[in-house]
N, C-alpha and C. Protein backbone atom coordinates (compact mmCIF):
# COMPACT_ATOMS: atom_id res chain seq x y z
N ALA A 1 -14.24 10.66 2.99
CA ALA A 1 -15.58 10.62 2.41
C ALA A 1 -16.33 11.87 2.81
N ARG A 2 -17.23 12.26 1.96
CA ARG A 2 -18.03 13.45 2.26
C ARG A 2 -19.42 13.25 1.69
N PRO A 3 -20.42 13.92 2.24
CA PRO A 3 -21.74 13.86 1.62
C PRO A 3 -21.63 14.29 0.16
N MET A 4 -22.42 13.67 -0.66
CA MET A 4 -22.35 13.92 -2.09
C MET A 4 -22.79 15.35 -2.40
N THR A 5 -21.89 16.15 -2.95
CA THR A 5 -22.23 17.53 -3.26
C THR A 5 -21.87 17.90 -4.69
N ARG A 6 -21.16 17.03 -5.39
CA ARG A 6 -20.80 17.35 -6.77
C ARG A 6 -21.06 16.14 -7.64
N GLY A 7 -20.86 16.29 -8.91
CA GLY A 7 -21.05 15.16 -9.80
C GLY A 7 -21.07 15.62 -11.24
N GLY A 8 -21.04 14.68 -12.13
CA GLY A 8 -21.06 15.00 -13.55
C GLY A 8 -22.48 15.05 -14.08
N GLU A 9 -22.59 15.07 -15.37
CA GLU A 9 -23.90 15.13 -16.00
C GLU A 9 -24.63 13.80 -15.92
N LEU A 10 -23.85 12.70 -15.87
CA LEU A 10 -24.47 11.39 -15.76
C LEU A 10 -25.26 11.28 -14.47
N PHE A 11 -26.47 10.79 -14.56
CA PHE A 11 -27.29 10.54 -13.39
C PHE A 11 -27.35 11.76 -12.48
N ASP A 12 -27.54 12.92 -13.08
CA ASP A 12 -27.59 14.17 -12.33
C ASP A 12 -28.68 14.14 -11.27
N TRP A 13 -29.75 13.38 -11.53
CA TRP A 13 -30.83 13.27 -10.55
C TRP A 13 -30.31 12.74 -9.22
N ALA A 14 -29.33 11.84 -9.26
CA ALA A 14 -28.81 11.25 -8.04
C ALA A 14 -28.20 12.30 -7.13
N ARG A 15 -27.55 13.28 -7.73
CA ARG A 15 -26.91 14.34 -6.98
C ARG A 15 -27.92 15.15 -6.18
N HIS A 16 -29.13 15.28 -6.69
CA HIS A 16 -30.14 16.10 -6.03
C HIS A 16 -31.06 15.30 -5.12
N TRP A 17 -31.35 14.08 -5.48
CA TRP A 17 -32.32 13.29 -4.74
C TRP A 17 -31.70 12.48 -3.62
N LEU A 18 -30.59 11.79 -3.88
CA LEU A 18 -30.04 10.86 -2.92
C LEU A 18 -29.52 11.46 -1.61
N PRO A 19 -28.81 12.59 -1.61
CA PRO A 19 -28.26 13.08 -0.34
C PRO A 19 -29.30 13.39 0.72
N SER A 20 -30.52 13.67 0.35
CA SER A 20 -31.53 13.98 1.34
C SER A 20 -32.27 12.74 1.83
N ARG A 21 -31.86 11.58 1.37
CA ARG A 21 -32.54 10.33 1.74
C ARG A 21 -31.59 9.42 2.52
N ARG A 22 -32.16 8.66 3.38
CA ARG A 22 -31.39 7.61 4.07
C ARG A 22 -31.73 6.31 3.35
N VAL A 23 -30.94 6.00 2.37
CA VAL A 23 -31.14 4.80 1.57
C VAL A 23 -29.82 4.05 1.48
N ARG A 24 -29.90 2.77 1.23
CA ARG A 24 -28.70 1.97 1.02
C ARG A 24 -28.39 1.97 -0.47
N VAL A 25 -27.26 2.54 -0.81
CA VAL A 25 -26.80 2.57 -2.20
C VAL A 25 -25.59 1.66 -2.32
N LEU A 26 -25.66 0.72 -3.22
CA LEU A 26 -24.49 -0.11 -3.48
C LEU A 26 -23.37 0.78 -3.99
N ASP A 27 -22.13 0.42 -3.69
CA ASP A 27 -21.01 1.19 -4.24
C ASP A 27 -21.18 1.28 -5.74
N THR A 28 -21.21 2.49 -6.26
CA THR A 28 -21.42 2.73 -7.68
C THR A 28 -20.40 3.75 -8.16
N VAL A 29 -19.66 3.37 -9.21
CA VAL A 29 -18.66 4.26 -9.79
C VAL A 29 -19.15 4.66 -11.18
N PHE A 30 -19.30 5.97 -11.41
CA PHE A 30 -19.66 6.47 -12.73
C PHE A 30 -18.38 6.81 -13.46
N VAL A 31 -18.32 6.48 -14.75
CA VAL A 31 -17.13 6.75 -15.55
C VAL A 31 -17.48 7.66 -16.71
N ASP A 32 -16.46 8.41 -17.17
CA ASP A 32 -16.68 9.27 -18.33
C ASP A 32 -16.41 8.46 -19.60
N GLY A 33 -16.48 9.10 -20.74
CA GLY A 33 -16.33 8.42 -22.02
C GLY A 33 -14.98 7.78 -22.25
N SER A 34 -13.97 8.20 -21.47
CA SER A 34 -12.63 7.62 -21.63
C SER A 34 -12.35 6.54 -20.59
N GLY A 35 -13.35 6.19 -19.78
CA GLY A 35 -13.16 5.16 -18.77
C GLY A 35 -12.54 5.67 -17.48
N THR A 36 -12.47 6.99 -17.34
CA THR A 36 -11.93 7.59 -16.12
C THR A 36 -13.05 7.72 -15.09
N PRO A 37 -12.81 7.32 -13.84
CA PRO A 37 -13.87 7.45 -12.83
C PRO A 37 -14.26 8.91 -12.62
N ALA A 38 -15.54 9.20 -12.72
CA ALA A 38 -16.04 10.56 -12.54
C ALA A 38 -16.54 10.77 -11.11
N SER A 39 -17.17 9.76 -10.52
CA SER A 39 -17.61 9.85 -9.14
C SER A 39 -17.89 8.44 -8.61
N TRP A 40 -17.81 8.31 -7.29
CA TRP A 40 -18.01 7.03 -6.62
C TRP A 40 -18.97 7.27 -5.48
N LEU A 41 -20.16 6.72 -5.57
CA LEU A 41 -21.19 6.89 -4.55
C LEU A 41 -21.29 5.64 -3.69
N TYR A 42 -21.60 5.85 -2.41
CA TYR A 42 -21.80 4.74 -1.48
C TYR A 42 -22.63 5.28 -0.30
N THR A 43 -23.12 4.38 0.53
CA THR A 43 -23.84 4.78 1.72
C THR A 43 -22.91 4.65 2.92
N SER A 44 -22.77 5.71 3.68
CA SER A 44 -21.93 5.70 4.87
C SER A 44 -22.54 4.80 5.92
N SER A 45 -21.73 3.88 6.45
CA SER A 45 -22.23 3.01 7.51
C SER A 45 -22.35 3.78 8.83
N LYS A 46 -21.67 4.91 8.94
CA LYS A 46 -21.72 5.72 10.17
C LYS A 46 -22.95 6.61 10.23
N THR A 47 -23.27 7.27 9.11
CA THR A 47 -24.35 8.26 9.12
C THR A 47 -25.59 7.82 8.36
N GLY A 48 -25.46 6.82 7.48
CA GLY A 48 -26.58 6.40 6.65
C GLY A 48 -26.81 7.31 5.46
N GLU A 49 -25.94 8.33 5.29
CA GLU A 49 -26.08 9.26 4.16
C GLU A 49 -25.39 8.72 2.92
N VAL A 50 -25.91 9.10 1.78
CA VAL A 50 -25.23 8.79 0.53
C VAL A 50 -24.06 9.76 0.41
N CYS A 51 -22.88 9.20 0.18
CA CYS A 51 -21.65 10.00 0.12
C CYS A 51 -20.93 9.73 -1.19
N GLU A 52 -19.95 10.58 -1.45
CA GLU A 52 -19.11 10.43 -2.62
C GLU A 52 -17.66 10.36 -2.15
N LYS A 53 -16.94 9.35 -2.58
CA LYS A 53 -15.53 9.23 -2.21
C LYS A 53 -14.75 10.38 -2.82
N SER A 54 -13.81 10.90 -2.03
CA SER A 54 -13.03 12.04 -2.50
C SER A 54 -11.83 11.61 -3.34
N GLU A 55 -11.30 10.43 -3.10
CA GLU A 55 -10.16 9.93 -3.87
C GLU A 55 -10.58 8.67 -4.60
N VAL A 56 -10.56 8.74 -5.91
CA VAL A 56 -11.00 7.61 -6.73
C VAL A 56 -9.85 7.16 -7.61
N SER A 57 -9.48 5.90 -7.49
CA SER A 57 -8.46 5.32 -8.37
C SER A 57 -8.92 3.92 -8.74
N TRP A 58 -8.45 3.44 -9.87
CA TRP A 58 -8.85 2.10 -10.29
C TRP A 58 -8.33 1.03 -9.34
N GLY A 59 -7.19 1.27 -8.71
CA GLY A 59 -6.69 0.32 -7.72
C GLY A 59 -7.66 0.18 -6.56
N LYS A 60 -8.14 1.32 -6.03
CA LYS A 60 -9.10 1.30 -4.93
C LYS A 60 -10.43 0.68 -5.35
N ILE A 61 -10.87 1.01 -6.55
CA ILE A 61 -12.13 0.46 -7.05
C ILE A 61 -12.01 -1.07 -7.14
N GLY A 62 -10.93 -1.55 -7.74
CA GLY A 62 -10.75 -2.99 -7.88
C GLY A 62 -10.74 -3.69 -6.54
N ARG A 63 -9.98 -3.18 -5.57
CA ARG A 63 -9.91 -3.81 -4.25
C ARG A 63 -11.27 -3.82 -3.56
N ARG A 64 -11.98 -2.71 -3.62
CA ARG A 64 -13.29 -2.62 -2.94
C ARG A 64 -14.30 -3.57 -3.58
N PHE A 65 -14.37 -3.57 -4.90
CA PHE A 65 -15.35 -4.42 -5.57
C PHE A 65 -15.04 -5.89 -5.36
N LEU A 66 -13.77 -6.26 -5.38
CA LEU A 66 -13.40 -7.67 -5.19
C LEU A 66 -13.62 -8.11 -3.75
N LYS A 67 -13.53 -7.18 -2.80
CA LYS A 67 -13.80 -7.49 -1.40
C LYS A 67 -15.23 -7.99 -1.21
N PHE A 68 -16.16 -7.41 -1.96
CA PHE A 68 -17.57 -7.77 -1.82
C PHE A 68 -18.03 -8.87 -2.77
N ALA A 69 -17.18 -9.31 -3.66
CA ALA A 69 -17.57 -10.36 -4.61
C ALA A 69 -17.78 -11.66 -3.85
N ARG A 70 -19.00 -12.15 -3.85
CA ARG A 70 -19.31 -13.40 -3.15
C ARG A 70 -18.86 -14.61 -3.95
N ASP A 71 -18.75 -14.41 -5.22
CA ASP A 71 -18.43 -15.49 -6.14
C ASP A 71 -17.54 -14.89 -7.22
N ARG A 72 -16.49 -15.57 -7.59
CA ARG A 72 -15.58 -15.06 -8.62
C ARG A 72 -16.30 -14.85 -9.95
N SER A 73 -17.44 -15.49 -10.14
CA SER A 73 -18.18 -15.36 -11.40
C SER A 73 -18.92 -14.03 -11.51
N PHE A 74 -19.28 -13.44 -10.37
CA PHE A 74 -20.06 -12.20 -10.37
C PHE A 74 -19.44 -11.21 -9.39
N ALA A 75 -18.82 -10.17 -9.91
CA ALA A 75 -18.18 -9.18 -9.04
C ALA A 75 -18.78 -7.79 -9.20
N ALA A 76 -19.33 -7.50 -10.37
CA ALA A 76 -19.87 -6.16 -10.62
C ALA A 76 -20.92 -6.21 -11.71
N THR A 77 -21.71 -5.17 -11.72
CA THR A 77 -22.67 -4.97 -12.80
C THR A 77 -22.22 -3.73 -13.57
N LEU A 78 -22.09 -3.86 -14.88
CA LEU A 78 -21.79 -2.71 -15.71
C LEU A 78 -23.11 -2.00 -16.01
N LEU A 79 -23.14 -0.70 -15.77
CA LEU A 79 -24.32 0.11 -16.09
C LEU A 79 -24.04 0.73 -17.45
N LEU A 80 -24.74 0.25 -18.45
CA LEU A 80 -24.48 0.68 -19.82
C LEU A 80 -25.13 2.02 -20.12
N ALA A 81 -24.50 2.79 -20.97
CA ALA A 81 -24.99 4.12 -21.32
C ALA A 81 -26.39 4.08 -21.93
N ASP A 82 -26.74 2.96 -22.57
CA ASP A 82 -28.06 2.84 -23.18
C ASP A 82 -29.13 2.37 -22.20
N GLY A 83 -28.76 2.23 -20.92
CA GLY A 83 -29.71 1.81 -19.89
C GLY A 83 -29.64 0.33 -19.58
N GLY A 84 -28.90 -0.43 -20.34
CA GLY A 84 -28.77 -1.86 -20.10
C GLY A 84 -27.81 -2.16 -18.96
N ARG A 85 -27.74 -3.42 -18.61
CA ARG A 85 -26.83 -3.88 -17.55
C ARG A 85 -26.18 -5.18 -17.99
N SER A 86 -24.99 -5.40 -17.47
CA SER A 86 -24.27 -6.63 -17.77
C SER A 86 -23.41 -6.99 -16.57
N THR A 87 -23.49 -8.23 -16.09
CA THR A 87 -22.66 -8.64 -14.96
C THR A 87 -21.29 -9.09 -15.48
N VAL A 88 -20.27 -8.84 -14.66
CA VAL A 88 -18.92 -9.24 -15.02
C VAL A 88 -18.27 -9.98 -13.85
N SER A 89 -17.30 -10.79 -14.18
CA SER A 89 -16.60 -11.62 -13.20
C SER A 89 -15.53 -10.83 -12.46
N ALA A 90 -15.01 -11.44 -11.40
CA ALA A 90 -13.92 -10.84 -10.64
C ALA A 90 -12.69 -10.65 -11.53
N SER A 91 -12.41 -11.61 -12.40
CA SER A 91 -11.24 -11.47 -13.27
C SER A 91 -11.41 -10.30 -14.24
N HIS A 92 -12.64 -10.03 -14.65
CA HIS A 92 -12.90 -8.89 -15.53
C HIS A 92 -12.67 -7.58 -14.77
N VAL A 93 -13.14 -7.51 -13.53
CA VAL A 93 -12.92 -6.31 -12.71
C VAL A 93 -11.43 -6.10 -12.50
N GLU A 94 -10.70 -7.17 -12.21
CA GLU A 94 -9.24 -7.07 -12.03
C GLU A 94 -8.57 -6.55 -13.30
N ALA A 95 -9.02 -7.06 -14.45
CA ALA A 95 -8.44 -6.63 -15.73
C ALA A 95 -8.71 -5.15 -15.98
N ILE A 96 -9.91 -4.68 -15.68
CA ILE A 96 -10.24 -3.26 -15.85
C ILE A 96 -9.36 -2.42 -14.95
N ALA A 97 -9.23 -2.83 -13.69
CA ALA A 97 -8.46 -2.05 -12.71
C ALA A 97 -6.98 -1.96 -13.08
N LYS A 98 -6.43 -3.01 -13.68
CA LYS A 98 -5.01 -3.06 -13.99
C LYS A 98 -4.66 -2.58 -15.40
N ALA A 99 -5.66 -2.36 -16.23
CA ALA A 99 -5.42 -1.99 -17.63
C ALA A 99 -4.82 -0.59 -17.76
N SER A 100 -4.14 -0.38 -18.88
CA SER A 100 -3.67 0.98 -19.19
C SER A 100 -4.89 1.85 -19.48
N ALA A 101 -4.72 3.14 -19.40
CA ALA A 101 -5.84 4.06 -19.67
C ALA A 101 -6.43 3.82 -21.05
N GLU A 102 -5.58 3.57 -22.03
CA GLU A 102 -6.05 3.34 -23.40
C GLU A 102 -6.87 2.05 -23.50
N ASP A 103 -6.35 0.97 -22.90
CA ASP A 103 -7.07 -0.30 -22.94
C ASP A 103 -8.37 -0.22 -22.15
N ARG A 104 -8.33 0.48 -21.00
CA ARG A 104 -9.53 0.63 -20.17
C ARG A 104 -10.61 1.37 -20.94
N ALA A 105 -10.23 2.41 -21.68
CA ALA A 105 -11.21 3.16 -22.47
C ALA A 105 -11.91 2.24 -23.46
N THR A 106 -11.15 1.33 -24.07
CA THR A 106 -11.74 0.36 -25.00
C THR A 106 -12.64 -0.61 -24.26
N MET A 107 -12.17 -1.12 -23.12
CA MET A 107 -12.94 -2.10 -22.34
C MET A 107 -14.27 -1.52 -21.84
N LEU A 108 -14.28 -0.22 -21.56
CA LEU A 108 -15.46 0.42 -20.98
C LEU A 108 -16.25 1.25 -21.99
N ARG A 109 -16.00 1.05 -23.27
CA ARG A 109 -16.76 1.78 -24.29
C ARG A 109 -18.24 1.44 -24.12
N GLY A 110 -19.07 2.46 -24.02
CA GLY A 110 -20.51 2.27 -23.88
C GLY A 110 -20.96 2.04 -22.43
N VAL A 111 -20.02 2.12 -21.48
CA VAL A 111 -20.34 1.91 -20.07
C VAL A 111 -20.42 3.26 -19.36
N ALA A 112 -21.49 3.45 -18.59
CA ALA A 112 -21.66 4.69 -17.82
C ALA A 112 -21.21 4.53 -16.39
N GLY A 113 -21.17 3.28 -15.91
CA GLY A 113 -20.76 3.06 -14.52
C GLY A 113 -20.64 1.60 -14.18
N LEU A 114 -20.12 1.33 -13.00
CA LEU A 114 -19.99 -0.01 -12.45
C LEU A 114 -20.62 -0.01 -11.07
N GLN A 115 -21.30 -1.09 -10.75
CA GLN A 115 -21.92 -1.19 -9.43
C GLN A 115 -21.48 -2.51 -8.81
N VAL A 116 -21.10 -2.44 -7.53
CA VAL A 116 -20.64 -3.64 -6.83
C VAL A 116 -21.77 -4.67 -6.86
N TRP A 117 -21.42 -5.93 -6.98
CA TRP A 117 -22.40 -7.02 -7.08
C TRP A 117 -22.99 -7.30 -5.73
């Protein structure tokens, strides 16, 4: 893990504002238009800084998000590109993590990111 120093065009404000703050950020994964993870932000429990994971894979995302799911009915919030939000179940997160790249792109059409529940 490293302090957040890079990022895509999505939520560019986060790249500039968050690293200088000591705030608690829920694990948040931003995805590109094809459903590929672009960046993964979280708050370091050691330093309190907002950081970006250096290695992002759907397997790691699925395991981390399911670890924090308090209820199988609610595991993540989808952050929609139009500003909306939608909660999804643990089984939905598992399906996204295990899907082929083509199927995942379809499943995440219109989604800008996922946030741990």
